[in-house]
Protein backbone atom coordinates (compact mmCIF):
# COMPACT_ATOMS: atom_id res chain seq x y z
CA MET A 1 0.19 0.16 -0.18
CA VAL A 2 1.07 3.30 -0.56
CA ARG A 3 1.49 5.51 2.66
CA PHE A 4 1.27 9.40 2.72
CA VAL A 5 2.54 11.31 5.45
CA HIS A 6 -0.08 14.65 5.54
CA GLY A 7 -3.70 14.20 5.87
CA ALA A 8 -5.30 16.58 3.31
CA ALA A 9 -8.57 17.98 1.99
CA VAL A 10 -9.03 17.50 -1.38
CA VAL A 11 -10.04 20.84 -3.71
CA ALA A 12 -9.94 21.74 -7.43
CA LEU A 13 -6.50 22.26 -8.66
CA PRO A 14 -5.42 25.31 -11.02
CA LEU A 15 -3.11 24.36 -13.76
CA VAL A 16 -0.71 25.89 -16.02
CA GLY A 17 -2.91 27.10 -18.89
CA GLY A 18 -5.50 25.37 -17.99
CA LEU A 19 -4.23 22.11 -19.83
CA ARG A 20 -5.65 19.06 -18.19
CA ARG A 21 -8.29 17.20 -20.26
CA SER A 22 -9.60 15.59 -17.50
CA GLN A 23 -10.97 17.22 -13.84
CA ARG A 24 -8.68 16.17 -11.27
CA ARG A 25 -8.26 17.15 -7.73
CA ALA A 26 -4.97 17.77 -5.78
CA ALA A 27 -4.37 18.01 -2.03
CA THR A 28 -4.51 20.97 -0.02
CA PRO A 29 -3.87 21.29 3.53
CA VAL A 30 -6.76 20.46 5.81
CA GLU A 31 -8.96 24.02 6.35
CA ASN A 32 -8.29 24.18 10.42
CA ALA A 33 -4.87 23.66 9.88
CA CYS A 34 -4.53 27.46 11.28
CA ASP A 35 -6.55 26.93 14.55
CA ALA A 36 -3.79 24.09 15.38
CA ASP A 37 -0.94 26.33 14.35
CA SER A 38 -0.47 29.49 12.95
CA THR A 39 3.12 29.23 11.91
CA SER A 40 2.73 25.62 10.36
CA CYS A 41 3.08 25.23 6.49
CA SER A 42 -0.31 23.70 6.30
CA CYS A 43 -1.66 27.27 7.60
CA PHE A 44 0.59 29.25 5.31
CA ALA A 45 -0.85 27.37 2.54
CA VAL A 46 -4.29 27.72 3.59
CA ARG A 47 -4.00 31.23 3.86
CA ASP A 48 -2.56 31.82 0.56
CA SER A 49 -3.50 29.11 -2.25
CA ASN A 50 -0.49 29.99 -4.27
CA PHE A 51 1.86 29.40 -1.47
CA CYS A 52 3.61 26.09 -2.66
CA LYS A 53 3.78 27.46 -5.83
CA THR A 54 6.48 29.98 -4.79
CA CYS A 55 8.81 26.77 -3.72
CA PRO A 56 11.92 26.45 -3.40
CA GLU A 57 11.20 30.03 -2.10
CA CYS A 58 8.77 28.81 0.36
CA GLY A 59 11.31 28.53 2.96
CA THR A 60 11.38 25.39 5.34
CA CYS A 61 8.01 24.15 4.01
CA GLY A 62 9.82 22.86 0.76
CA GLU A 63 9.49 19.50 2.15
CA TYR A 64 5.46 19.81 3.36
CA CYS A 65 4.53 21.36 -0.36
CA GLY A 66 6.50 18.45 -2.08
CA GLY A 67 4.77 15.92 -0.04
CA LEU A 68 1.11 17.80 -1.36
CA LEU A 69 2.79 17.30 -4.73
CA VAL A 70 3.51 13.56 -4.74
CA GLU A 71 -0.13 12.71 -3.08
CA ALA A 72 -1.90 14.40 -5.82
CA LEU A 73 0.76 12.78 -8.44
CA VAL A 74 -0.08 9.28 -6.74
CA ARG A 75 -3.62 9.55 -6.35
CA ASP A 76 -4.19 10.36 -10.33
CA LEU A 77 -1.88 7.43 -10.86
CA GLU A 78 -4.49 5.24 -8.60
CA ALA A 79 -7.48 6.65 -10.94
CA SER A 80 -5.91 6.05 -14.26
CA ASN A 81 -7.93 3.69 -16.14
CA SER A 82 -4.47 1.27 -16.61
CA SER A 83 -6.73 -1.62 -17.84
CA GLY A 84 -4.61 -2.80 -21.25
CA VAL A 85 -1.95 -0.39 -21.15
CA PHE A 86 0.66 -2.99 -19.93
CA MET A 87 0.47 -5.69 -22.89
CA THR A 88 2.76 -8.23 -24.42
CA LEU A 89 3.10 -9.37 -28.01
CA GLY A 90 1.24 -11.96 -27.54
CA GLY A 91 -1.81 -9.34 -26.73
CA THR A 92 -2.27 -10.15 -22.97
CA PRO A 93 -1.39 -8.48 -20.26
CA SER A 94 1.72 -8.52 -18.67
CA THR A 95 2.17 -10.52 -15.59
CA ILE A 96 5.60 -9.45 -14.29
CA TYR A 97 4.77 -5.51 -14.74
CA THR A 98 1.50 -3.88 -12.88
CA TRP A 99 0.37 -0.44 -12.93
CA GLN A 100 -0.02 -0.86 -9.05
CA ASP A 101 3.50 -2.05 -8.40
CA MET A 102 4.70 1.10 -10.72
CA THR A 103 2.57 3.47 -8.70
CA THR A 104 4.21 2.20 -5.15
CA ALA A 105 7.61 2.62 -7.13
CA VAL A 106 7.00 6.21 -7.81
CA HIS A 107 5.71 6.80 -4.45
CA GLY A 108 9.07 5.50 -2.86
CA MET A 109 10.95 7.48 -5.40
CA ALA A 110 9.44 10.69 -5.27
CA THR A 111 9.66 10.56 -1.48
CA THR A 112 12.46 8.89 -0.27
CA GLY A 113 14.62 8.68 -3.60
CA ALA A 114 18.16 7.91 -3.67
CA GLY A 115 20.93 9.71 -2.21
CA ASN A 116 20.12 13.62 -3.01
CA MET A 117 17.92 12.62 -6.00
CA LYS A 118 14.11 12.15 -6.32
CA LEU A 119 11.61 11.27 -8.88
CA TYR A 120 10.38 14.59 -10.15
CA ALA A 121 6.85 15.04 -9.43
CA GLY A 122 6.11 18.59 -10.23
CA GLU A 123 6.50 21.92 -9.22
CA GLY A 124 4.47 24.24 -7.59
CA GLN A 125 1.19 22.63 -7.71
CA ASN A 126 1.47 21.21 -10.93
CA HIS A 127 1.99 17.74 -10.76
CA VAL A 128 0.92 17.45 -14.35
CA TYR A 129 4.60 18.09 -14.99
CA GLY A 130 5.32 14.40 -12.86
CA LEU A 131 2.62 12.80 -14.60
CA VAL A 132 4.25 13.39 -18.15
CA ASN A 133 7.76 12.41 -16.71
CA ILE A 134 6.17 9.13 -15.84
CA ALA A 135 4.49 8.79 -18.86
CA ALA A 136 7.62 8.96 -21.18
CA PHE A 137 9.52 6.70 -18.59
CA LEU A 138 6.84 4.10 -19.19
CA ALA A 139 6.84 4.55 -23.20
CA GLN A 140 10.25 3.29 -22.85
CA CYS A 141 9.63 0.59 -20.27
CA MET A 142 6.84 -0.52 -22.54
CA LYS A 143 8.87 -0.91 -25.53
CA GLU A 144 12.37 -2.37 -24.08
CA THR A 145 10.84 -5.19 -21.40
CA ILE A 146 7.11 -5.12 -20.87
CA VAL A 147 5.95 -6.18 -24.37
CA TYR A 148 8.35 -9.21 -23.95
CA ASP A 149 7.27 -9.51 -20.20
CA ALA A 150 10.31 -10.27 -19.07
CA CYS A 151 12.25 -8.99 -16.10
CA ASP A 152 15.97 -10.75 -17.02
CA GLU A 153 18.02 -9.87 -20.09
CA ASN A 154 16.98 -12.29 -22.96
CA ASN A 155 19.35 -13.71 -25.10
CA TRP A 156 19.31 -12.04 -28.42
CA SER A 157 22.68 -12.79 -29.90
CA ASN A 158 21.36 -14.49 -32.67
CA GLY A 159 23.00 -15.04 -36.23
CA ALA A 160 22.27 -11.63 -37.51
CA VAL A 161 24.40 -10.09 -34.36
CA VAL A 162 27.18 -12.27 -34.46
CA ASP A 163 27.67 -11.31 -38.10
CA GLU A 164 28.03 -8.08 -36.89
CA VAL A 165 29.96 -8.61 -33.98
CA GLY A 166 31.47 -12.07 -34.05
CA GLY A 167 31.23 -15.14 -31.80
CA THR A 168 28.83 -17.92 -31.63
CA ALA A 169 24.99 -17.42 -32.26
CA TYR A 170 23.34 -17.72 -28.91
CA SER A 171 26.27 -18.55 -26.75
CA ALA A 172 25.46 -19.23 -23.10
CA THR A 173 28.05 -16.53 -22.82
CA SER A 174 25.65 -14.09 -23.65
CA ALA A 175 25.11 -13.61 -19.86
CA CYS A 176 28.88 -12.15 -19.57
CA GLY A 177 27.96 -9.57 -22.26
CA GLN A 178 26.10 -8.88 -25.45
CA LEU A 179 27.33 -6.74 -28.82
CA LYS A 180 31.04 -6.55 -27.37
CA GLN A 181 30.16 -5.67 -23.92
CA SER A 182 31.62 -7.17 -20.66
CA TYR A 183 29.15 -6.77 -18.10
CA GLN A 184 31.64 -7.55 -14.76
CA ASP A 185 34.31 -5.39 -16.18
CA TYR A 186 31.72 -2.06 -16.19
CA THR A 187 33.46 0.70 -13.96
CA CYS A 188 32.33 3.55 -12.38
CA SER A 189 33.71 7.23 -13.05
CA ALA A 190 36.52 8.31 -10.47
CA GLU A 191 34.30 10.90 -8.88
CA GLU A 192 31.76 8.19 -7.87
CA ASP A 193 34.37 5.87 -6.63
CA ALA A 194 35.47 9.13 -4.72
CA LEU A 195 32.04 9.52 -3.42
CA ALA A 196 31.95 5.75 -2.34
CA GLY A 197 35.32 5.87 -0.66
CA GLY A 198 37.33 3.96 -2.81
CA LYS A 199 34.89 1.94 -4.89
CA MET A 200 31.36 2.03 -6.31
CA ALA A 201 31.10 -1.10 -8.25
CA CYS A 202 30.26 -4.34 -6.89
CA ASP A 203 33.06 -7.08 -7.16
CA PRO A 204 32.76 -9.98 -9.37
CA ASP A 205 32.81 -13.20 -7.47
CA PRO A 206 34.19 -15.75 -9.52
CA ASN A 207 32.08 -18.42 -7.23
CA MET A 208 28.92 -16.62 -7.82
CA GLU A 209 26.34 -18.79 -9.41
CA MET A 210 22.36 -17.98 -10.38
CA ARG A 211 20.31 -18.58 -12.41
CA ALA A 212 17.84 -15.85 -14.40
CA ARG A 213 13.90 -16.12 -13.67
CA THR A 214 12.69 -14.97 -17.21
CA GLN A 215 13.56 -15.63 -20.81
CA ALA A 216 12.14 -15.24 -23.87
CA THR A 217 8.84 -17.38 -25.01
CA TRP A 218 8.46 -17.56 -28.78
CA TYR A 219 9.05 -20.96 -30.72
CA GLY A 220 12.97 -22.37 -29.52
CA ALA A 221 13.75 -19.33 -27.76
CA PRO A 222 16.83 -19.73 -25.67
CA THR A 223 16.18 -20.36 -22.05
CA LYS A 224 17.13 -18.22 -19.29
CA MET A 225 20.79 -16.91 -18.49
CA PHE A 226 23.32 -18.06 -15.90
CA CYS A 227 26.40 -17.62 -14.49
CA ALA A 228 28.70 -20.34 -12.93
CA PRO A 229 32.51 -21.00 -11.96
CA ARG A 230 34.65 -23.02 -14.45
CA SER A 231 34.87 -25.58 -11.88
CA LYS A 232 30.96 -26.44 -12.52
CA VAL A 233 30.42 -25.41 -16.28
CA PRO A 234 33.86 -25.71 -17.75
CA LYS A 235 33.08 -24.56 -21.16
CA ALA A 236 30.20 -22.76 -22.25
CA PRO A 237 27.51 -24.35 -24.95
CA ARG A 238 25.04 -22.28 -27.31
CA TRP A 239 21.43 -22.66 -27.62
CA ASP A 240 20.21 -24.60 -30.23
CA SER A 241 16.69 -23.87 -31.36
CA ASN A 242 15.89 -27.04 -33.58
CA PRO A 243 15.43 -29.94 -31.69
CA TRP A 244 11.51 -30.67 -30.89
CA CYS A 245 10.12 -31.48 -27.86
CA ASN A 246 7.72 -34.03 -27.49
CA PRO A 247 4.68 -33.09 -25.37
CA ASN A 248 3.99 -36.75 -24.60
CA ARG A 249 7.62 -37.27 -23.56
CA PRO A 250 7.99 -39.17 -19.95
CA ASP A 251 8.11 -37.06 -17.05
CA GLU A 252 11.76 -37.21 -16.18
CA GLN A 253 12.50 -35.48 -19.13
CA MET A 254 9.78 -32.45 -18.46
CA PRO A 255 10.91 -29.31 -17.89
CA PHE A 256 13.13 -28.66 -14.34
CA PRO A 257 10.89 -26.70 -11.77
CA ASP A 258 12.22 -22.65 -11.93
CA ASP A 259 13.93 -23.15 -8.78
CA VAL A 260 15.80 -26.27 -9.65
CA ASP A 261 18.92 -26.89 -7.99
CA LEU A 262 21.77 -25.50 -9.94
CA ASP A 263 24.16 -28.46 -9.65
CA THR A 264 21.48 -30.60 -11.46
CA TYR A 265 20.96 -27.84 -13.81
CA PHE A 266 24.25 -27.83 -14.59
CA ALA A 267 25.15 -31.75 -15.02
CA TYR A 268 21.93 -31.20 -17.75
CA VAL A 269 24.20 -28.16 -19.43
CA ASN A 270 27.37 -30.10 -19.36
CA ALA A 271 25.92 -32.84 -21.20
CA GLY A 272 25.63 -30.96 -24.48
CA SER A 273 23.47 -32.50 -27.03
CA ALA A 274 21.51 -34.69 -24.80
CA SER A 275 20.33 -31.26 -22.67
CA THR A 276 17.36 -30.71 -24.75
CA CYS A 277 13.80 -29.71 -23.59
CA ARG A 278 14.24 -29.30 -20.01
CA ASP A 279 14.92 -25.83 -19.41
CA TYR A 280 11.68 -23.85 -19.14
CA ALA A 281 7.60 -24.37 -18.70
CA GLY A 282 6.02 -24.39 -21.88
CA GLN A 283 9.28 -24.91 -24.01
CA LYS A 284 8.36 -26.35 -27.30
CA ALA A 285 11.69 -27.01 -29.11
CA GLY A 286 15.46 -26.27 -28.38
CA GLY A 287 18.42 -27.16 -25.95
CA TRP A 288 21.92 -26.88 -25.45
CA SER A 289 24.63 -27.71 -27.79
CA PHE A 290 28.42 -27.65 -28.13
CA ASP A 291 28.21 -28.73 -31.95
CA GLY A 292 30.46 -26.38 -34.17
CA CYS A 293 32.15 -24.82 -31.55
CA SER A 294 36.27 -24.98 -30.38
CA GLU A 295 37.24 -27.55 -27.88
CA ALA A 296 37.45 -24.56 -24.96
CA GLY A 297 33.55 -23.95 -25.72
CA CYS A 298 31.03 -21.82 -27.73
CA ALA A 299 32.65 -18.64 -27.66
CA GLY A 300 30.94 -15.14 -27.15
CA SER A 301 31.88 -11.72 -28.99
CA GLU A 302 35.10 -9.86 -27.99
CA ALA A 303 34.89 -6.84 -25.89
CA PRO A 304 37.90 -5.34 -26.17
CA LEU A 305 36.99 -1.73 -25.30
CA PHE A 306 36.19 -3.66 -21.60
CA GLY A 307 39.71 -5.76 -21.82
CA GLN A 308 38.47 -8.56 -23.01
CA PRO A 309 40.12 -8.83 -26.59
CA GLU A 310 39.09 -12.62 -27.21
CA GLY A 311 35.38 -14.01 -26.78
CA ARG A 312 34.70 -15.89 -23.41
CA THR A 313 34.10 -19.68 -23.57
CA ASP A 314 33.30 -19.60 -19.90
CA LEU A 315 30.61 -18.52 -17.54
CA GLU A 316 32.76 -17.56 -14.24
CA SER A 317 31.51 -13.84 -12.86
CA CYS A 318 29.04 -13.49 -15.54
CA CYS A 319 25.95 -12.91 -13.40
CA TRP A 320 25.66 -8.88 -14.30
CA TRP A 321 23.09 -9.13 -16.90
CA GLY A 322 20.37 -6.88 -17.12
CA ARG A 323 17.24 -7.09 -14.94
CA GLY A 324 14.17 -4.82 -14.33
CA VAL A 325 11.95 -2.85 -16.29
CA ILE A 326 14.98 -0.63 -17.82
CA GLN A 327 17.66 -3.41 -17.54
CA THR A 328 20.10 -2.81 -14.80
CA THR A 329 23.04 -4.24 -15.95
CA GLY A 330 26.98 -4.35 -15.00
CA THR A 331 28.88 -3.96 -11.98
CA CYS A 332 28.88 -0.48 -11.64
CA ASN A 333 25.13 0.12 -12.27
CA PHE A 334 24.42 -2.84 -9.21
CA GLY A 335 26.94 -0.89 -7.38
CA LYS A 336 25.07 2.05 -7.39
CA LEU A 337 21.63 0.55 -6.32
CA ASN A 338 23.59 -0.89 -3.05
CA TYR A 339 24.98 2.10 -2.42
CA TYR A 340 22.12 4.47 -2.87
CA LEU A 341 19.32 2.28 -2.51
CA GLY A 342 20.19 -1.32 -0.67
CA LYS A 343 22.51 -2.62 1.90
CA ARG A 344 25.41 -0.50 1.49
CA ALA A 345 23.17 2.41 1.93
CA ALA A 346 21.66 1.24 5.29
CA ASP A 347 25.23 -0.35 6.83
CA GLU A 348 26.73 3.09 6.31
CA GLY A 349 24.07 4.99 7.48
CA ARG A 350 22.12 6.49 4.62
CA SER A 351 18.55 6.12 3.91
CA SER A 352 17.32 3.01 2.18
CA LEU A 353 14.23 2.03 0.22
CA PHE A 354 15.83 -1.62 0.57
CA PRO A 355 17.80 -1.99 3.64
CA LYS A 356 18.08 -5.87 3.56
CA VAL A 357 18.75 -5.97 -0.38
CA ASP A 358 22.44 -6.63 -1.16
CA PHE A 359 22.71 -6.09 -5.15
CA CYS A 360 25.89 -7.32 -4.88
CA ALA A 361 25.86 -10.18 -3.52
CA ASN A 362 22.34 -11.22 -5.43
CA PRO A 363 21.74 -9.05 -8.75
CA ASN A 364 19.01 -11.52 -8.91
CA ALA A 365 17.01 -10.01 -6.30
CA ILE A 366 15.79 -7.48 -8.75
CA CYS A 367 13.38 -10.24 -10.64
CA GLU A 368 13.07 -12.81 -7.68
CA PRO A 369 9.48 -13.37 -6.99
CA GLU A 370 9.97 -13.07 -3.52
CA SER A 371 11.01 -9.46 -3.34
CA PRO A 372 8.73 -6.95 -3.13
CA PRO A 373 7.29 -6.23 -6.51
CA GLU A 374 8.06 -2.14 -6.78
CA LEU A 375 11.88 -3.42 -7.07
CA LYS A 376 11.87 -4.11 -10.53
CA TRP A 377 10.33 -0.89 -11.18
CA ILE A 378 12.63 0.94 -8.60
CA ALA A 379 15.77 0.14 -10.44
CA GLY A 380 14.60 1.43 -13.75
CA PHE A 381 13.35 4.79 -12.36
CA PHE A 382 17.07 5.00 -10.11
CA TYR A 383 18.25 5.19 -14.14
CA TRP A 384 15.88 7.47 -14.77
CA LEU A 385 16.93 9.97 -12.24
CA ASN A 386 20.71 9.53 -13.21
CA ALA A 387 20.29 9.60 -17.06
CA VAL A 388 17.47 11.22 -17.94
CA GLN A 389 16.29 13.56 -15.52
CA THR A 390 19.59 15.21 -15.23
CA TYR A 391 20.35 15.31 -19.42
CA ASP A 392 21.44 18.70 -20.45
CA HIS A 393 22.59 19.12 -24.15
CA SER A 394 22.94 22.98 -25.50
CA GLU A 395 20.20 21.70 -27.86
CA TYR A 396 18.21 19.84 -25.34
CA ASN A 397 17.49 19.68 -21.85
CA PHE A 398 15.17 17.21 -20.59
CA MET A 399 13.42 19.35 -17.82
CA THR A 400 13.02 22.29 -20.26
CA GLN A 401 11.65 20.28 -22.92
CA LEU A 402 8.81 18.55 -20.78
CA LYS A 403 7.85 21.76 -19.08
CA SER A 404 7.74 23.18 -22.58
CA TRP A 405 5.64 20.52 -23.81
CA VAL A 406 3.05 20.54 -21.05
CA ASP A 407 2.78 24.29 -21.25
CA GLY A 408 2.31 24.23 -24.90
CA GLY A 409 -0.62 22.45 -24.53
CA LEU A 410 0.39 18.77 -24.53
CA ASN A 411 0.33 18.54 -28.18
CA MET A 412 0.08 14.81 -29.40
CA GLU A 413 1.54 16.13 -32.86
CA ASP A 414 4.36 17.27 -31.60
CA ASN A 415 7.01 14.49 -31.02
CA ILE A 416 10.55 16.65 -29.82
CA PHE A 417 10.02 15.61 -26.46
CA ILE A 418 9.44 12.02 -26.86
CA ASP A 419 11.65 11.46 -29.45
CA GLY A 420 14.54 13.57 -27.43
CA THR A 421 13.63 11.07 -24.49
CA SER A 422 13.89 8.21 -26.55
CA GLY A 423 16.69 8.69 -27.89
CA ILE A 424 18.50 9.43 -24.73
CA VAL A 425 17.42 6.23 -23.05
CA ASN A 426 17.80 3.99 -26.60
CA ARG A 427 20.90 5.79 -27.61
CA GLY A 428 22.36 7.91 -25.29
CA CYS A 429 21.38 11.19 -26.99
CA HIS A 430 18.54 12.95 -27.63
CA ASN A 431 19.05 13.28 -31.51
CA PRO A 432 20.45 9.75 -32.93
CA PRO A 433 21.97 8.68 -34.81
CA ASN A 434 23.73 12.31 -34.87
CA CYS A 435 25.81 10.64 -31.93
CA GLY A 436 26.96 7.77 -33.47
CA THR A 437 25.36 5.16 -31.79
CA GLY A 438 22.43 4.11 -34.56
CA GLU A 439 19.15 5.11 -35.42
CA LEU A 440 16.56 5.09 -32.70
CA ASP A 441 14.84 1.81 -32.49
CA GLY A 442 11.03 1.63 -32.55
CA ARG A 443 10.29 5.45 -32.84
CA GLU A 444 6.70 4.95 -33.75
CA ASP A 445 6.10 2.66 -31.04
CA ARG A 446 7.57 4.77 -28.53
CA GLN A 447 5.27 7.76 -29.24
CA HIS A 448 2.26 5.14 -29.43
CA ASN A 449 3.25 3.84 -26.02
CA PHE A 450 3.45 7.63 -24.72
CA ALA A 451 0.44 8.22 -26.15
CA LYS A 452 -1.82 5.38 -24.71
CA VAL A 453 -0.30 6.28 -21.09
CA LEU A 454 -1.40 9.83 -21.16
CA THR A 455 -4.83 8.67 -22.19
CA ALA A 456 -5.15 6.10 -19.29
CA MET A 457 -3.99 8.90 -17.12
CA GLY A 458 -6.81 11.52 -18.66
CA LEU A 459 -4.22 13.91 -20.30
CA ALA A 460 -4.90 13.11 -24.00
C-alpha cells in the first residue's frame, strides 16, 4: 500500500494554462490547520492558495509542499484507467509489470528517492509535469521490456548479431555481455568511486552462481541466462533452437522447475546435445549443444573496450546481465543500486528503500518473486534519475523540454519531447544517429506508448 505523511482535504487544482483534459483533484492542507498552529506550513497554504507555487522560495516548507505534490501525483496514477496499458507481444496483459507496483515505486522514488535524487513529481502545485515525466518513462519501458514480459535480459545474440560483432549465435556467454560488452568490467567514474570512499562498483565473484527468472517465449527461444564457476561449467555451450520437444515425453524429460538445484541444472548443461527440452515450462523446442564450437567452448563476442580482446568461452563471474524494467546491467550499476538504495546504504547510515537487499551479493534480487514487486520498477526509476532527468545538452535539456511540451498544450502532434527522450534511453543522446550510436529503434512504438499512457492518465 502507498502511505502518505500528510492528511489533506481535496479541492480543485488550477493548472498552467488550463491544460488538463480531465477533471482531477489535488491535495491541499486541512482547513482547520491554522486553528492548530498559525505558523505551520499547512496554515500558510490555507491562507494563500499560491503559497506552494512559490517553492523553492517557500523556506522550510519545501518538504511539506513537495509531499502534497506527490500525493496528488499518486492519486491520479491510482485513478488512471490502466487496463490494457501494459500488454505483451502475445496480446495479453503483462504478468510481471503492473500499474499498482509502478505506482508504489513512484511514491518511494518521489519521496525517499536515492541519495539527494528524487523522481520529479512536478513543481508548485502542478503535478501534470510529474505525470508526463512518468508517461515518458513508461513509453520506454513498454518498448524495452514490458512487451516481452521479461524481467531478465534475453539472449538475443542471434545469427545477424553474430555476423556484426562476432562470436557464436546464442552462446551461453551472452550472460557475460552482448554486443561486444563485458558486464563484469563495467567501471564507475573516478568521481563516483571517490564518493563511495574508494569503489562504487560491485566486485565480481568467481564463485557466484545463479540462474535468471525469465526468458523469451517464442518457439525454440533461448532459455534463461545463468552464471557458474569454471569448476561447475568448464565451457560454455550454445543454444540450438531446432530440437523438437515431444509434448508426450516421459515425466523425467519434462522441464525442470524454476527453482531447480543449480548443480542438477549444470550437469544437464554440461551434457551438451543430450540437454534438450528441460529448460523452462512451455518449451516446445531447443536445447544446449557444443556442436560447431571449439574445444574450449562456444565463444561469445570479443569486448576489447572492456579489456576482453577475445571472446569468452566460460561463464565465471558472468552474473551481471540486465534486470528490471529498464535492464539494470553491469557491476557499476548494481553497485550504485546498493550504495543508494540497498544494504550498503543502510550499513553506512544512509536512508535506504531496501536496507536488507544486497544487490552486489545477489543481483537476482530485482527479479526474484519473493522480492518486493516494486523493486523491478525502482531499479528502472533509478536509471531515469541518473541518466534522463539530468540530461542537459545545449540543444536539448530534458526538464526544459518536458515543461515546454506541457505548457504548450500537450500537443500529441509535437514529438520533439518524446523523440528526444527516447533517443536518450535507446541511443544515449537526444538526436540519434547524430551521436554515432545508430538510429533510434522503435520511434513510432515509443510515440504510441506515450500517447497510450497519457490517455490512461486522462491527459490525451
